[in-house]
Protein backbone atom coordinates (compact mmCIF):
# COMPACT_ATOMS: atom_id res chain seq x y z
CA MET A 1 -105.99 8.97 -65.49
CA THR A 2 -106.38 5.25 -64.87
CA ALA A 3 -104.90 3.80 -61.71
CA GLU A 4 -102.68 1.62 -63.87
CA GLY A 5 -101.34 4.63 -65.77
CA PHE A 6 -100.71 6.57 -62.56
CA LEU A 7 -98.97 3.70 -60.78
CA GLY A 8 -96.96 3.00 -63.92
CA GLY A 9 -95.44 6.47 -63.82
CA ARG A 10 -97.24 7.88 -66.84
CA ARG A 11 -96.64 11.63 -67.06
CA LEU A 12 -99.67 13.89 -67.08
CA GLN A 13 -99.30 17.12 -69.06
CA MET A 14 -101.51 20.18 -69.15
CA ALA A 15 -101.56 23.44 -71.09
CA ARG A 16 -99.81 26.22 -69.16
CA GLY A 17 -102.75 28.57 -69.63
CA VAL A 18 -104.98 26.46 -67.39
CA LEU A 19 -103.12 27.88 -64.37
CA LEU A 20 -104.59 31.30 -65.25
CA GLN A 21 -108.08 30.11 -66.14
CA CYS A 22 -110.61 32.51 -64.61
CA ILE A 23 -113.64 31.36 -62.61
CA MET A 24 -116.00 31.73 -65.61
CA GLY A 25 -113.78 29.38 -67.64
CA GLY A 26 -112.06 31.88 -69.93
CA TYR A 27 -108.41 32.86 -70.25
CA PRO A 28 -106.45 36.10 -70.41
CA GLN A 29 -104.29 36.86 -73.41
CA ALA A 30 -101.74 34.18 -74.27
CA LYS A 31 -98.86 36.56 -73.59
CA PHE A 32 -99.44 35.99 -69.87
CA TYR A 33 -98.71 32.26 -70.06
CA GLY A 34 -96.58 31.96 -73.18
CA SER A 35 -97.77 32.59 -76.70
CA ASP A 36 -97.36 28.92 -77.66
CA ASP A 37 -99.44 27.78 -74.65
CA GLY A 38 -97.13 24.82 -74.31
CA ASP A 39 -97.46 22.02 -71.80
CA LEU A 40 -96.58 21.70 -68.14
CA ALA A 41 -95.99 18.44 -66.33
CA LEU A 42 -98.20 17.69 -63.33
CA VAL A 43 -96.07 15.71 -60.89
CA ALA A 44 -97.93 14.12 -58.00
CA ASP A 45 -96.68 14.77 -54.48
CA PRO A 46 -96.31 11.20 -53.19
CA GLN A 47 -97.38 12.28 -49.69
CA HIS A 48 -100.66 13.65 -51.01
CA VAL A 49 -102.43 10.87 -52.89
CA TYR A 50 -105.87 10.15 -51.47
CA GLN A 51 -108.56 7.59 -52.15
CA LEU A 52 -111.77 9.62 -52.02
CA PRO A 53 -114.13 8.06 -49.48
CA TRP A 54 -117.24 9.73 -50.90
CA SER A 55 -116.67 8.19 -54.34
CA ASP A 56 -117.39 4.58 -53.23
CA GLY A 57 -113.72 3.75 -53.62
CA ASP A 58 -113.45 4.14 -57.40
CA ARG A 59 -111.56 7.46 -57.50
CA ALA A 60 -108.43 8.94 -56.03
CA LEU A 61 -107.02 12.47 -55.96
CA ALA A 62 -103.36 13.45 -56.16
CA ILE A 63 -102.15 16.95 -55.33
CA CYS A 64 -99.56 17.82 -57.97
CA ASP A 65 -96.77 20.29 -58.51
CA ALA A 66 -96.76 22.07 -61.85
CA LEU A 67 -93.34 21.82 -63.46
CA GLU A 68 -92.02 23.13 -66.73
CA LEU A 69 -90.92 20.36 -69.06
CA ASP A 70 -87.29 21.07 -68.13
CA GLY A 71 -88.15 20.22 -64.52
CA GLN A 72 -88.21 23.78 -63.15
CA PRO A 73 -91.19 24.83 -60.99
CA SER A 74 -93.79 26.82 -62.91
CA GLY A 75 -93.96 30.41 -61.71
CA LEU A 76 -97.71 30.47 -62.44
CA SER A 77 -98.55 27.79 -59.86
CA SER A 78 -99.95 29.06 -56.56
CA ARG A 79 -98.48 26.03 -54.74
CA ASN A 80 -95.06 26.89 -56.15
CA VAL A 81 -95.52 30.52 -55.08
CA LEU A 82 -96.02 29.34 -51.50
CA LYS A 83 -92.99 27.03 -51.75
CA SER A 84 -90.82 29.93 -52.91
CA VAL A 85 -91.87 32.04 -49.93
CA LEU A 86 -91.15 29.18 -47.52
CA ALA A 87 -87.68 28.74 -49.07
CA ARG A 88 -86.79 32.27 -47.92
CA TYR A 89 -87.43 31.23 -44.32
CA THR A 90 -85.67 27.88 -44.70
CA GLY A 91 -82.56 29.65 -45.97
CA GLN A 92 -82.35 31.51 -42.67
CA GLY A 93 -82.94 28.48 -40.45
CA LEU A 94 -86.54 29.42 -39.76
CA ALA A 95 -89.78 27.44 -40.09
CA PRO A 96 -93.19 29.18 -40.22
CA VAL A 97 -96.08 27.49 -38.44
CA VAL A 98 -99.64 28.29 -39.47
CA ALA A 99 -103.21 27.24 -38.81
CA THR A 100 -106.35 28.12 -40.75
CA GLU A 101 -109.87 28.75 -39.50
CA LEU A 102 -112.40 28.22 -42.27
CA GLU A 103 -116.00 29.43 -42.12
CA PHE A 104 -118.68 28.21 -44.53
CA TYR A 105 -122.45 28.08 -44.99
CA VAL A 106 -124.60 24.98 -45.48
CA PHE A 107 -127.67 25.75 -47.61
CA ALA A 108 -130.52 24.01 -49.33
CA PRO A 109 -130.03 23.53 -53.09
CA ASN A 110 -130.19 26.80 -55.02
CA PRO A 111 -131.13 26.00 -58.63
CA ASP A 112 -132.12 29.62 -59.38
CA PRO A 113 -129.21 32.01 -58.71
CA GLN A 114 -131.67 34.92 -58.93
CA GLN A 115 -133.01 33.78 -55.56
CA PRO A 116 -131.11 34.13 -52.26
CA PHE A 117 -129.60 31.15 -50.50
CA GLN A 118 -131.73 29.52 -47.80
CA PRO A 119 -130.82 27.21 -44.93
CA PRO A 120 -132.09 23.63 -45.25
CA VAL A 121 -135.37 22.55 -43.70
CA GLY A 122 -134.62 21.20 -40.24
CA LEU A 123 -135.94 18.22 -38.33
CA ASP A 124 -138.69 20.42 -36.88
CA GLY A 125 -139.89 21.30 -40.39
CA ARG A 126 -138.54 24.84 -40.22
CA ARG A 127 -135.56 26.66 -41.62
CA GLU A 128 -133.04 28.03 -39.14
CA GLN A 129 -133.54 31.70 -38.36
CA GLY A 130 -131.61 34.26 -36.35
CA PHE A 131 -128.17 33.76 -34.89
CA SER A 132 -127.19 30.42 -33.37
CA ALA A 133 -123.50 30.88 -32.63
CA PHE A 134 -122.13 27.93 -30.63
CA SER A 135 -125.57 26.29 -30.57
CA VAL A 136 -125.59 22.61 -29.52
CA THR A 137 -129.05 21.78 -30.90
CA SER A 138 -129.68 19.38 -33.78
CA ASN A 139 -132.86 20.95 -35.14
CA ASN A 140 -131.11 21.89 -38.37
CA GLY A 141 -131.00 18.21 -39.31
CA LEU A 142 -127.36 18.37 -40.42
CA ARG A 143 -126.00 15.74 -38.05
CA PRO A 144 -125.79 12.99 -40.75
CA PHE A 145 -123.95 15.41 -43.05
CA PHE A 146 -121.40 16.36 -40.42
CA ALA A 147 -120.99 12.74 -39.33
CA GLU A 148 -119.90 11.89 -42.88
CA VAL A 149 -117.67 14.98 -43.00
CA ARG A 150 -115.86 13.73 -39.89
CA THR A 151 -115.59 10.21 -41.30
CA CYS A 152 -114.17 11.51 -44.59
CA MET A 153 -111.72 13.78 -42.79
CA ALA A 154 -110.42 10.81 -40.83
CA ALA A 155 -110.11 8.76 -44.02
CA LEU A 156 -108.06 11.53 -45.66
CA GLY A 157 -105.92 12.05 -42.56
CA LEU A 158 -107.17 15.59 -41.97
CA PRO A 159 -106.81 16.39 -38.27
CA ARG A 160 -109.25 18.90 -36.85
CA ASP A 161 -109.11 21.02 -33.74
CA THR A 162 -112.49 22.61 -32.99
CA PHE A 163 -115.74 22.70 -34.91
CA MET A 164 -118.70 24.96 -34.18
CA HIS A 165 -121.81 26.74 -35.37
CA GLU A 166 -120.84 30.30 -36.27
CA MET A 167 -122.78 33.58 -36.15
CA GLY A 168 -124.60 33.35 -39.48
CA VAL A 169 -127.73 31.38 -40.30
CA SER A 170 -126.51 27.82 -41.00
CA GLN A 171 -122.89 29.02 -40.87
CA PHE A 172 -120.14 26.84 -39.40
CA GLU A 173 -116.41 26.98 -38.71
CA ILE A 174 -113.63 24.44 -38.45
CA ASN A 175 -110.16 25.07 -37.05
CA LEU A 176 -107.42 22.93 -38.59
CA LEU A 177 -104.46 21.97 -36.41
CA HIS A 178 -101.37 24.18 -36.76
CA GLY A 179 -98.37 22.90 -38.67
CA ASP A 180 -96.27 23.27 -41.82
CA PRO A 181 -97.75 26.00 -44.08
CA LEU A 182 -97.68 23.92 -47.27
CA LEU A 183 -99.38 21.04 -45.48
CA LEU A 184 -102.05 23.39 -44.08
CA ALA A 185 -102.70 24.86 -47.51
CA ASP A 186 -103.11 21.35 -48.92
CA GLN A 187 -105.40 20.37 -46.05
CA THR A 188 -107.53 23.50 -46.42
CA PHE A 189 -107.93 22.84 -50.15
CA LEU A 190 -108.84 19.19 -49.50
CA PHE A 191 -111.31 20.11 -46.77
CA LYS A 192 -113.17 22.57 -49.00
CA HIS A 193 -113.33 19.95 -51.76
CA LEU A 194 -114.57 17.38 -49.24
CA LEU A 195 -117.30 19.71 -47.98
CA LYS A 196 -118.69 20.30 -51.46
CA GLU A 197 -118.71 16.62 -52.40
CA VAL A 198 -120.23 15.33 -49.16
CA ALA A 199 -122.90 18.05 -49.25
CA LEU A 200 -124.03 16.86 -52.68
CA ARG A 201 -124.49 13.34 -51.31
CA HIS A 202 -126.85 14.78 -48.68
CA GLY A 203 -128.85 17.03 -50.99
CA LEU A 204 -127.17 20.15 -49.60
CA THR A 205 -125.04 22.99 -50.93
CA VAL A 206 -121.90 24.19 -49.16
CA VAL A 207 -120.98 27.77 -50.03
CA CYS A 208 -117.52 29.24 -49.39
CA MET A 209 -118.32 32.72 -50.69
CA ALA A 210 -117.01 35.54 -48.54
CA LYS A 211 -120.51 37.05 -48.21
CA PRO A 212 -123.29 34.76 -49.41
CA LEU A 213 -126.11 36.46 -47.46
CA ALA A 214 -126.91 40.15 -47.14
CA GLN A 215 -127.11 41.48 -43.58
CA ALA A 216 -125.44 38.37 -42.21
CA ALA A 217 -121.92 37.49 -41.15
CA GLY A 218 -119.37 36.89 -43.87
CA SER A 219 -117.14 33.83 -44.01
CA SER A 220 -113.44 34.18 -43.28
CA MET A 221 -110.30 32.10 -43.49
CA HIS A 222 -108.22 33.50 -40.64
CA ILE A 223 -104.54 32.56 -40.71
CA HIS A 224 -102.61 32.08 -37.45
CA GLN A 225 -98.84 32.49 -37.87
CA SER A 226 -95.74 32.00 -35.79
CA ILE A 227 -92.07 31.36 -36.64
CA VAL A 228 -89.87 28.68 -35.13
CA ASP A 229 -86.09 28.84 -34.95
CA VAL A 230 -85.16 25.41 -36.31
CA ALA A 231 -81.90 25.07 -34.37
CA SER A 232 -83.40 25.78 -30.94
CA GLY A 233 -87.02 24.82 -31.58
CA ARG A 234 -88.24 27.98 -29.85
CA ASN A 235 -90.96 30.36 -30.94
CA LEU A 236 -89.12 33.33 -32.47
CA PHE A 237 -91.85 35.66 -31.16
CA SER A 238 -91.07 35.04 -27.44
CA ASP A 239 -87.81 35.47 -25.54
CA ALA A 240 -86.48 33.37 -22.65
CA ASP A 241 -88.54 35.42 -20.18
CA GLY A 242 -91.74 34.93 -22.18
CA GLN A 243 -91.81 38.51 -23.47
CA PRO A 244 -92.41 39.59 -27.09
CA THR A 245 -89.23 39.79 -29.14
CA PRO A 246 -88.16 42.40 -31.71
CA ALA A 247 -88.81 39.74 -34.37
CA PHE A 248 -92.45 39.58 -33.24
CA HIS A 249 -92.87 43.30 -33.79
CA HIS A 250 -90.93 43.23 -37.08
CA PHE A 251 -93.24 40.48 -38.37
CA ILE A 252 -96.27 42.64 -37.54
CA GLY A 253 -94.56 45.65 -39.13
CA GLY A 254 -94.15 43.69 -42.36
CA GLN A 255 -97.81 42.66 -42.32
CA GLN A 256 -98.86 46.27 -41.93
CA ALA A 257 -96.52 47.44 -44.68
CA CYS A 258 -97.82 44.90 -47.22
CA MET A 259 -101.49 44.24 -46.52
CA ALA A 260 -102.84 46.96 -48.78
CA ASP A 261 -100.65 45.90 -51.72
CA PHE A 262 -101.55 42.23 -51.18
CA THR A 263 -105.28 42.66 -50.51
CA ALA A 264 -106.26 41.12 -53.87
CA LEU A 265 -104.47 37.91 -52.85
CA PHE A 266 -106.48 37.75 -49.61
CA ALA A 267 -109.76 38.96 -51.16
CA PRO A 268 -109.71 37.77 -54.80
CA ASN A 269 -113.35 38.13 -55.85
CA VAL A 270 -115.95 40.86 -56.27
CA ASN A 271 -117.96 39.30 -53.45
CA SER A 272 -114.91 39.44 -51.13
CA TYR A 273 -115.49 43.15 -50.73
CA GLN A 274 -119.11 42.72 -49.68
CA ARG A 275 -117.61 41.12 -46.58
CA LEU A 276 -114.92 43.76 -46.12
CA PHE A 277 -117.32 46.64 -46.73
CA HIS A 278 -119.36 45.48 -43.72
CA PRO A 279 -116.45 45.01 -41.37
CA TYR A 280 -118.06 43.51 -38.25
CA ALA A 281 -115.60 40.77 -37.21
CA SER A 282 -114.07 40.98 -40.70
CA PRO A 283 -111.89 44.06 -40.39
CA ASN A 284 -110.61 45.78 -43.51
CA ASN A 285 -107.66 47.46 -41.80
CA ALA A 286 -104.01 46.77 -41.06
CA CYS A 287 -104.21 47.74 -37.38
CA TRP A 288 -102.93 45.32 -34.78
CA SER A 289 -104.27 44.65 -31.33
CA HIS A 290 -104.20 42.24 -28.44
CA ASP A 291 -107.30 40.04 -28.61
CA ASN A 292 -109.45 42.59 -30.47
CA ARG A 293 -111.49 41.19 -33.36
CA ALA A 294 -111.93 44.64 -34.88
CA ALA A 295 -108.25 44.68 -35.86
CA GLY A 296 -107.01 43.13 -39.08
CA LEU A 297 -104.04 41.71 -37.15
CA ARG A 298 -105.10 40.17 -33.85
CA ILE A 299 -102.79 38.75 -31.20
CA PRO A 300 -104.86 36.00 -29.54
CA ALA A 301 -104.57 35.51 -25.80
CA SER A 302 -102.03 32.73 -25.27
CA GLY A 303 -98.92 31.65 -23.42
CA PRO A 304 -95.48 32.73 -24.68
CA GLU A 305 -94.88 29.42 -26.46
CA ALA A 306 -98.03 29.95 -28.56
CA ARG A 307 -97.57 33.67 -29.27
CA ARG A 308 -98.79 34.23 -32.82
CA VAL A 309 -100.22 36.75 -35.25
CA GLU A 310 -103.71 36.16 -36.64
CA ASN A 311 -104.38 37.67 -40.07
CA ARG A 312 -108.14 38.24 -40.18
CA LEU A 313 -108.32 39.70 -43.68
CA PRO A 314 -108.67 36.56 -45.90
CA GLY A 315 -112.15 35.36 -46.72
CA ALA A 316 -113.30 31.77 -47.16
CA ASP A 317 -113.09 32.34 -50.91
CA ALA A 318 -109.33 32.96 -50.85
CA ASN A 319 -106.91 30.51 -52.44
CA PRO A 320 -105.23 29.02 -49.32
CA TYR A 321 -101.85 28.72 -51.06
CA LEU A 322 -101.86 32.38 -52.11
CA ALA A 323 -103.31 33.74 -48.88
CA ILE A 324 -100.73 31.92 -46.73
CA ALA A 325 -97.93 32.85 -49.14
CA ALA A 326 -98.91 36.53 -49.09
CA SER A 327 -99.20 36.68 -45.30
CA LEU A 328 -95.88 34.95 -44.68
CA ALA A 329 -94.16 37.00 -47.39
CA ALA A 330 -95.35 40.16 -45.67
CA GLY A 331 -93.95 38.92 -42.37
CA TRP A 332 -90.67 37.98 -44.07
CA HIS A 333 -90.42 41.51 -45.48
CA GLY A 334 -90.79 42.90 -41.97
CA LEU A 335 -88.17 40.56 -40.51
CA LYS A 336 -85.69 41.26 -43.30
CA HIS A 337 -85.96 45.03 -43.00
CA ALA A 338 -86.60 45.21 -39.23
CA LEU A 339 -89.83 47.13 -39.78
CA GLU A 340 -91.50 48.58 -36.71
CA PRO A 341 -95.29 48.41 -36.49
CA ALA A 342 -97.62 51.23 -35.59
CA ALA A 343 -98.79 51.36 -31.99
CA PRO A 344 -101.31 48.67 -31.04
CA VAL A 345 -104.95 49.69 -30.75
CA GLN A 346 -107.69 48.63 -28.36
CA GLY A 347 -111.44 49.14 -28.08
CA GLU A 348 -113.23 51.03 -30.81
CA ILE A 349 -110.75 51.52 -33.63
CA ASP A 350 -110.40 54.75 -35.55
CA VAL A 351 -108.37 53.48 -38.49
CA PRO A 352 -105.67 55.93 -39.59
CA PRO A 353 -105.47 56.53 -43.36
CA ALA A 354 -102.11 54.75 -43.65
CA LEU A 355 -103.66 51.49 -42.37
CA ARG A 356 -106.82 51.48 -44.48
CA LEU A 357 -107.14 48.77 -47.11
CA PRO A 358 -108.81 48.63 -50.53
CA VAL A 359 -112.58 48.12 -50.37
CA THR A 360 -113.18 47.19 -54.02
CA LEU A 361 -111.59 44.64 -56.30
CA GLN A 362 -110.71 47.43 -58.75
CA GLU A 363 -108.74 49.28 -56.10
CA ALA A 364 -107.06 46.11 -54.83
CA LEU A 365 -105.92 45.05 -58.32
CA LEU A 366 -104.54 48.53 -58.96
CA ARG A 367 -102.54 48.40 -55.71
CA LEU A 368 -101.19 44.97 -56.64
CA GLU A 369 -100.28 46.13 -60.16
CA ARG A 370 -98.30 49.05 -58.78
CA SER A 371 -96.49 46.96 -56.15
CA ALA A 372 -92.85 46.36 -57.00
CA LEU A 373 -92.59 44.33 -53.79
CA ALA A 374 -95.30 41.91 -54.92
CA LYS A 375 -93.47 41.28 -58.19
CA GLU A 376 -90.22 40.75 -56.27
CA LEU A 377 -91.71 38.31 -53.77
CA PHE A 378 -94.07 36.34 -56.03
CA GLY A 379 -92.57 36.82 -59.50
CA GLN A 380 -93.60 39.32 -62.15
CA ALA A 381 -95.11 36.64 -64.42
CA PHE A 382 -97.38 35.39 -61.66
CA ILE A 383 -98.56 38.85 -60.57
CA GLU A 384 -99.24 40.00 -64.12
CA GLY A 385 -101.07 36.77 -64.96
CA PHE A 386 -103.12 36.87 -61.77
CA ILE A 387 -104.19 40.46 -62.43
CA ALA A 388 -105.09 39.62 -66.04
CA SER A 389 -107.29 36.71 -64.94
CA LYS A 390 -108.99 38.72 -62.18
CA THR A 391 -109.58 41.62 -64.56
CA LEU A 392 -111.53 39.24 -66.82
CA GLU A 393 -113.71 38.27 -63.85
CA LEU A 394 -114.25 41.87 -62.83
CA THR A 395 -115.21 42.83 -66.39
CA SER A 396 -117.68 39.95 -66.54
CA PHE A 397 -119.31 41.15 -63.32
CA LEU A 398 -119.55 44.72 -64.54
CA ASP A 399 -121.15 43.50 -67.77
CA GLU A 400 -124.27 42.46 -65.80
CA ILE A 401 -127.04 44.69 -64.47
CA THR A 402 -128.03 43.66 -60.96
CA PRO A 403 -131.60 43.31 -59.58
CA TRP A 404 -130.87 46.26 -57.26
CA GLU A 405 -130.19 48.52 -60.23
CA ARG A 406 -133.40 47.47 -61.99
CA ARG A 407 -135.47 47.71 -58.81
CA VAL A 408 -134.19 51.05 -57.51
CA LEU A 409 -132.99 52.89 -60.60
CA GLY A 410 -135.43 51.58 -63.21
CA SER A 411 -138.11 54.15 -62.39
CA GLN A 412 -135.78 57.13 -62.00
CA ILE A 413 -135.91 60.07 -64.39
């Protein structure tokens, strides 16, 4: 849209089906978004209009809400799904606080998808090898790229907490500052978009797949969660003596009760399960523990005022709106029904059957399809449409024969 049209209040409309477009570009059957495939109105959030610094000042981006033409929020919009979950808390005088930790890889261009990703050639003429977690060296030659990332973040008003080299080859992590869940979802979306665009300007490729390299660390999007009582301003998870409250345990109980049903919302792609199938630091369980990275629900070491629950299941490929919505909805379910969690675990974890999670997209979609709770919390139309879109993607994947199959099985009799 032209700047003049936008500033003049021109309405932008879009076919409803686009909200269920799958990642290959196709659509599920029209029955999932209305047989007429009529229009939605995209209404810009006035607090989220950004001039894009990497576009030399000639483009802007507006985050929009998808509304039906009668003004009602579209039930197919992931941003609206998150808003509906937050409204449940607001109605009880509560305000969730979240923060996201996003991991990603920076690679050289990969014009042939048959070939594996490679790190860029560094200043020393070599590609990074081995593990360089928390490294402070600049041999990888990425300092100009990250300098522009920081500049663009400042221009977009994206505050950052910490930034570091992670465990994988040319893998990095950023921690966004905690705050309102909708704001954090918007910021996470904007940051991922920023990364991709700035990388292109530097001849690089940023990859937010959950598991882009075999035998290397996957990329997560951990979600830190706490709940504030609006009237008092206190953390609902700690009492006046600094001890954990019943609400803290009920929130964990809800997470445990829902994680298996909601796994497809945290791990939405075939590749998501490559990360979860190799669970080092990316646990595929609903156990909870104090400061143990092998548990799907980790309680980081902190003071009472910062007591929080870290959901370690989502990958970097997750939709931040849906992942945050699913995690907070699970906690809400636990608070509403006063659910008690299983006992915390420490050390090496032997995951009990009741706390194991799906390890394939097929299994995760089946759990979601059978979940009456998911349809209640997120709306039946959204859940059915989401499953239909993801089933198209799964079918497309299964329609291809992989190099492994040709290499290993091609000579079998």
